[in-house]
Amino acid sequence: MRGGPADPRTQMKGETKPVTWPKRVRLRECQAMASRAKEIPELIRQAVDLSRTYLRQETVEPMKRLGRVAGFSAGGAIGFSLASIFIGVAGTALLLKAFPAGEVWNGVGYLAAGALTGAGGWLVLSRAIR
């Protein structure tokens, strides 16, 4: 038996235990270690694949959904903006036809259409903020 470094836990107590090393390593143990060494690259590959799948699931997929929602929101905002512009133009044309002919009445029609459009915009914004 050869003596070796003392166990740190027993060294505090003043006791030392010699470390014994086996004289020969069994063939089965060597084969088991070799098979475990062959498994390591496979385990690394599986860990990388698992990480890649997790990142795709937790980052890429939610970003795609977020992009889809943002696209539909932007499309809806553009659609409502165009609709409000067309309604404003149609309302102005309706008011101009409702007033008598003349330059002064055209001005009054434009002012009334602007006031109604502004009131409609204020109403929509006041409801949206709440």
Foldseek 3Di string as FASTA:
>chain_A
DDADDADVVCVVVVDGDGDDDDPDDDPVVVVVVVVVVVCVVVVVVVVVVVVVVVCCVPPVVVVVVVVVVVVVVVVVVVVVVVVLVVVLVVQLVVLLVVFDDDDVSNVVSVVVSVVVSVVVVVVVVVVVVD
